[in-house]
Amino acid sequence: MFAYSASCAADHAVGAQRVAEWEERIAALSRMRDTLVRRMPWLGGQVASRELS
């Protein structure tokens, strides 16, 4: 774990932006997965089995 310090505020902002970008990508991929499973319900079991492991 990295502690926050004022001297690295710029790095903190970059890191926070990167995390926000990854969260947006994860959300978009999750929506795509959900759409695909709705259109092809037989894939739902494969998705569920991967989430359990």
PDB file of N, CA and C in Angstrom:
ATOM      1  N   MET A   1       0.854  -1.172   0.000  1.00  0.00           N
ATOM      2  CA  MET A   1       0.000   0.000   0.000  1.00  0.00           C
ATOM      3  C   MET A   1       0.897   1.231   0.000  1.00  0.00           C
ATOM      4  N   PHE A   2       0.526   2.206  -0.788  1.00  0.00           N
ATOM      5  CA  PHE A   2       1.296   3.437  -0.870  1.00  0.00           C
ATOM      6  C   PHE A   2       0.558   4.546  -0.135  1.00  0.00           C
ATOM      7  N   ALA A   3       1.275   5.222   0.731  1.00  0.00           N
ATOM      8  CA  ALA A   3       0.690   6.335   1.469  1.00  0.00           C
ATOM      9  C   ALA A   3       0.673   7.587   0.592  1.00  0.00           C
ATOM     10  N   TYR A   4      -0.329   8.410   0.747  1.00  0.00           N
ATOM     11  CA  TYR A   4      -0.439   9.664   0.005  1.00  0.00           C
ATOM     12  C   TYR A   4       0.463  10.700   0.640  1.00  0.00           C
ATOM     13  N   SER A   5       1.165  11.451  -0.195  1.00  0.00           N
ATOM     14  CA  SER A   5       1.925  12.605   0.302  1.00  0.00           C
ATOM     15  C   SER A   5       1.761  13.743  -0.688  1.00  0.00           C
ATOM     16  N   ALA A   6       1.797  14.955  -0.184  1.00  0.00           N
ATOM     17  CA  ALA A   6       1.591  16.131  -1.032  1.00  0.00           C
ATOM     18  C   ALA A   6       2.626  16.213  -2.147  1.00  0.00           C
ATOM     19  N   SER A   7       3.833  15.706  -1.912  1.00  0.00           N
ATOM     20  CA  SER A   7       4.884  15.787  -2.931  1.00  0.00           C
ATOM     21  C   SER A   7       4.601  14.911  -4.144  1.00  0.00           C
ATOM     22  N   CYS A   8       3.681  13.983  -4.036  1.00  0.00           N
ATOM     23  CA  CYS A   8       3.378  13.122  -5.185  1.00  0.00           C
ATOM     24  C   CYS A   8       1.940  13.322  -5.653  1.00  0.00           C
ATOM     25  N   ALA A   9       1.397  14.511  -5.449  1.00  0.00           N
ATOM     26  CA  ALA A   9       0.011  14.794  -5.824  1.00  0.00           C
ATOM     27  C   ALA A   9      -0.217  14.590  -7.323  1.00  0.00           C
ATOM     28  N   ALA A  10       0.737  14.970  -8.159  1.00  0.00           N
ATOM     29  CA  ALA A  10       0.580  14.799  -9.607  1.00  0.00           C
ATOM     30  C   ALA A  10       0.502  13.317  -9.960  1.00  0.00           C
ATOM     31  N   ASP A  11       1.364  12.512  -9.359  1.00  0.00           N
ATOM     32  CA  ASP A  11       1.325  11.067  -9.599  1.00  0.00           C
ATOM     33  C   ASP A  11       0.002  10.477  -9.109  1.00  0.00           C
ATOM     34  N   HIS A  12      -0.482  10.985  -7.999  1.00  0.00           N
ATOM     35  CA  HIS A  12      -1.758  10.517  -7.462  1.00  0.00           C
ATOM     36  C   HIS A  12      -2.879  10.805  -8.465  1.00  0.00           C
ATOM     37  N   ALA A  13      -2.867  11.992  -9.057  1.00  0.00           N
ATOM     38  CA  ALA A  13      -3.898  12.363 -10.029  1.00  0.00           C
ATOM     39  C   ALA A  13      -3.837  11.452 -11.248  1.00  0.00           C
ATOM     40  N   VAL A  14      -2.633  11.141 -11.711  1.00  0.00           N
ATOM     41  CA  VAL A  14      -2.476  10.244 -12.858  1.00  0.00           C
ATOM     42  C   VAL A  14      -3.002   8.860 -12.496  1.00  0.00           C
ATOM     43  N   GLY A  15      -2.645   8.377 -11.335  1.00  0.00           N
ATOM     44  CA  GLY A  15      -3.116   7.067 -10.887  1.00  0.00           C
ATOM     45  C   GLY A  15      -4.631   7.029 -10.764  1.00  0.00           C
ATOM     46  N   ALA A  16      -5.216   8.071 -10.215  1.00  0.00           N
ATOM     47  CA  ALA A  16      -6.682   8.133 -10.069  1.00  0.00           C
ATOM     48  C   ALA A  16      -7.352   8.147 -11.437  1.00  0.00           C
ATOM     49  N   GLN A  17      -6.758   8.854 -12.397  1.00  0.00           N
ATOM     50  CA  GLN A  17      -7.310   8.890 -13.751  1.00  0.00           C
ATOM     51  C   GLN A  17      -7.239   7.507 -14.397  1.00  0.00           C
ATOM     52  N   ARG A  18      -6.130   6.829 -14.205  1.00  0.00           N
ATOM     53  CA  ARG A  18      -5.982   5.479 -14.775  1.00  0.00           C
ATOM     54  C   ARG A  18      -7.015   4.522 -14.184  1.00  0.00           C
ATOM     55  N   VAL A  19      -7.223   4.604 -12.883  1.00  0.00           N
ATOM     56  CA  VAL A  19      -8.221   3.747 -12.237  1.00  0.00           C
ATOM     57  C   VAL A  19      -9.603   4.051 -12.811  1.00  0.00           C
ATOM     58  N   ALA A  20      -9.937   5.321 -12.987  1.00  0.00           N
ATOM     59  CA  ALA A  20     -11.230   5.703 -13.555  1.00  0.00           C
ATOM     60  C   ALA A  20     -11.382   5.155 -14.969  1.00  0.00           C
ATOM     61  N   GLU A  21     -10.311   5.219 -15.774  1.00  0.00           N
ATOM     62  CA  GLU A  21     -10.362   4.686 -17.138  1.00  0.00           C
ATOM     63  C   GLU A  21     -10.599   3.181 -17.132  1.00  0.00           C
ATOM     64  N   TRP A  22      -9.911   2.471 -16.244  1.00  0.00           N
ATOM     65  CA  TRP A  22     -10.103   1.019 -16.160  1.00  0.00           C
ATOM     66  C   TRP A  22     -11.512   0.675 -15.700  1.00  0.00           C
ATOM     67  N   GLU A  23     -12.055   1.442 -14.761  1.00  0.00           N
ATOM     68  CA  GLU A  23     -13.422   1.197 -14.309  1.00  0.00           C
ATOM     69  C   GLU A  23     -14.416   1.392 -15.452  1.00  0.00           C
ATOM     70  N   GLU A  24     -14.190   2.403 -16.298  1.00  0.00           N
ATOM     71  CA  GLU A  24     -15.056   2.621 -17.456  1.00  0.00           C
ATOM     72  C   GLU A  24     -14.950   1.449 -18.433  1.00  0.00           C
ATOM     73  N   ARG A  25     -13.742   0.978 -18.664  1.00  0.00           N
ATOM     74  CA  ARG A  25     -13.553  -0.162 -19.576  1.00  0.00           C
ATOM     75  C   ARG A  25     -14.225  -1.420 -19.039  1.00  0.00           C
ATOM     76  N   ILE A  26     -14.065  -1.668 -17.750  1.00  0.00           N
ATOM     77  CA  ILE A  26     -14.681  -2.843 -17.124  1.00  0.00           C
ATOM     78  C   ILE A  26     -16.199  -2.756 -17.256  1.00  0.00           C
ATOM     79  N   ALA A  27     -16.766  -1.578 -17.005  1.00  0.00           N
ATOM     80  CA  ALA A  27     -18.213  -1.402 -17.118  1.00  0.00           C
ATOM     81  C   ALA A  27     -18.678  -1.648 -18.550  1.00  0.00           C
ATOM     82  N   ALA A  28     -17.931  -1.130 -19.536  1.00  0.00           N
ATOM     83  CA  ALA A  28     -18.302  -1.323 -20.939  1.00  0.00           C
ATOM     84  C   ALA A  28     -18.229  -2.796 -21.321  1.00  0.00           C
ATOM     85  N   LEU A  29     -17.181  -3.475 -20.894  1.00  0.00           N
ATOM     86  CA  LEU A  29     -17.059  -4.905 -21.197  1.00  0.00           C
ATOM     87  C   LEU A  29     -18.152  -5.720 -20.505  1.00  0.00           C
ATOM     88  N   SER A  30     -18.506  -5.350 -19.303  1.00  0.00           N
ATOM     89  CA  SER A  30     -19.585  -6.045 -18.596  1.00  0.00           C
ATOM     90  C   SER A  30     -20.907  -5.867 -19.319  1.00  0.00           C
ATOM     91  N   ARG A  31     -21.169  -4.648 -19.810  1.00  0.00           N
ATOM     92  CA  ARG A  31     -22.400  -4.420 -20.578  1.00  0.00           C
ATOM     93  C   ARG A  31     -22.398  -5.249 -21.854  1.00  0.00           C
ATOM     94  N   MET A  32     -21.255  -5.311 -22.542  1.00  0.00           N
ATOM     95  CA  MET A  32     -21.166  -6.118 -23.766  1.00  0.00           C
ATOM     96  C   MET A  32     -21.403  -7.588 -23.462  1.00  0.00           C
ATOM     97  N   ARG A  33     -20.792  -8.088 -22.373  1.00  0.00           N
ATOM     98  CA  ARG A  33     -20.991  -9.480 -21.977  1.00  0.00           C
ATOM     99  C   ARG A  33     -22.459  -9.755 -21.689  1.00  0.00           C
ATOM    100  N   ASP A  34     -23.098  -8.865 -20.938  1.00  0.00           N
ATOM    101  CA  ASP A  34     -24.501  -9.051 -20.586  1.00  0.00           C
ATOM    102  C   ASP A  34     -25.384  -9.056 -21.834  1.00  0.00           C
ATOM    103  N   THR A  35     -25.097  -8.182 -22.782  1.00  0.00           N
ATOM    104  CA  THR A  35     -25.857  -8.141 -24.035  1.00  0.00           C
ATOM    105  C   THR A  35     -25.682  -9.438 -24.801  1.00  0.00           C
ATOM    106  N   LEU A  36     -24.452  -9.913 -24.881  1.00  0.00           N
ATOM    107  CA  LEU A  36     -24.172 -11.156 -25.598  1.00  0.00           C
ATOM    108  C   LEU A  36     -24.902 -12.330 -24.961  1.00  0.00           C
ATOM    109  N   VAL A  37     -24.879 -12.407 -23.637  1.00  0.00           N
ATOM    110  CA  VAL A  37     -25.543 -13.516 -22.944  1.00  0.00           C
ATOM    111  C   VAL A  37     -27.061 -13.412 -23.111  1.00  0.00           C
ATOM    112  N   ARG A  38     -27.603 -12.190 -23.133  1.00  0.00           N
ATOM    113  CA  ARG A  38     -29.048 -12.044 -23.373  1.00  0.00           C
ATOM    114  C   ARG A  38     -29.411 -12.536 -24.771  1.00  0.00           C
ATOM    115  N   ARG A  39     -28.539 -12.263 -25.739  1.00  0.00           N
ATOM    116  CA  ARG A  39     -28.824 -12.667 -27.118  1.00  0.00           C
ATOM    117  C   ARG A  39     -28.517 -14.137 -27.365  1.00  0.00           C
ATOM    118  N   MET A  40     -27.601 -14.691 -26.599  1.00  0.00           N
ATOM    119  CA  MET A  40     -27.206 -16.092 -26.726  1.00  0.00           C
ATOM    120  C   MET A  40     -27.216 -16.719 -25.336  1.00  0.00           C
ATOM    121  N   PRO A  41     -28.390 -17.001 -24.803  1.00  0.00           N
ATOM    122  CA  PRO A  41     -28.512 -17.438 -23.405  1.00  0.00           C
ATOM    123  C   PRO A  41     -27.724 -18.698 -23.086  1.00  0.00           C
ATOM    124  N   TRP A  42     -27.448 -19.531 -24.074  1.00  0.00           N
ATOM    125  CA  TRP A  42     -26.689 -20.754 -23.808  1.00  0.00           C
ATOM    126  C   TRP A  42     -25.258 -20.446 -23.358  1.00  0.00           C
ATOM    127  N   LEU A  43     -24.807 -19.216 -23.544  1.00  0.00           N
ATOM    128  CA  LEU A  43     -23.474 -18.835 -23.072  1.00  0.00           C
ATOM    129  C   LEU A  43     -23.475 -18.498 -21.582  1.00  0.00           C
ATOM    130  N   GLY A  44     -24.631 -18.264 -21.016  1.00  0.00           N
ATOM    131  CA  GLY A  44     -24.741 -17.843 -19.622  1.00  0.00           C
ATOM    132  C   GLY A  44     -24.097 -18.799 -18.646  1.00  0.00           C
ATOM    133  N   GLY A  45     -24.224 -20.100 -18.867  1.00  0.00           N
ATOM    134  CA  GLY A  45     -23.615 -21.078 -17.979  1.00  0.00           C
ATOM    135  C   GLY A  45     -22.107 -21.002 -17.984  1.00  0.00           C
ATOM    136  N   GLN A  46     -21.525 -20.714 -19.153  1.00  0.00           N
ATOM    137  CA  GLN A  46     -20.069 -20.598 -19.245  1.00  0.00           C
ATOM    138  C   GLN A  46     -19.587 -19.385 -18.476  1.00  0.00           C
ATOM    139  N   VAL A  47     -20.306 -18.283 -18.573  1.00  0.00           N
ATOM    140  CA  VAL A  47     -19.932 -17.075 -17.845  1.00  0.00           C
ATOM    141  C   VAL A  47     -20.021 -17.321 -16.348  1.00  0.00           C
ATOM    142  N   ALA A  48     -21.120 -17.943 -15.902  1.00  0.00           N
ATOM    143  CA  ALA A  48     -21.319 -18.198 -14.479  1.00  0.00           C
ATOM    144  C   ALA A  48     -20.250 -19.141 -13.943  1.00  0.00           C
ATOM    145  N   SER A  49     -19.873 -20.160 -14.712  1.00  0.00           N
ATOM    146  CA  SER A  49     -18.878 -21.115 -14.202  1.00  0.00           C
ATOM    147  C   SER A  49     -17.506 -20.462 -14.063  1.00  0.00           C
ATOM    148  N   ARG A  50     -17.169 -19.515 -14.936  1.00  0.00           N
ATOM    149  CA  ARG A  50     -15.894 -18.806 -14.830  1.00  0.00           C
ATOM    150  C   ARG A  50     -15.886 -17.898 -13.616  1.00  0.00           C
ATOM    151  N   GLU A  51     -17.013 -17.272 -13.305  1.00  0.00           N
ATOM    152  CA  GLU A  51     -17.086 -16.363 -12.156  1.00  0.00           C
ATOM    153  C   GLU A  51     -16.930 -17.112 -10.843  1.00  0.00           C
ATOM    154  N   LEU A  52     -17.299 -18.383 -10.810  1.00  0.00           N
ATOM    155  CA  LEU A  52     -17.187 -19.157  -9.583  1.00  0.00           C
ATOM    156  C   LEU A  52     -15.756 -19.603  -9.309  1.00  0.00           C
ATOM    157  N   SER A  53     -14.915 -19.677 -10.349  1.00  0.00           N
ATOM    158  CA  SER A  53     -13.534 -20.154 -10.113  1.00  0.00           C
ATOM    159  C   SER A  53     -12.603 -19.037  -9.769  1.00  0.00           C
TER     160      SER A  53
END
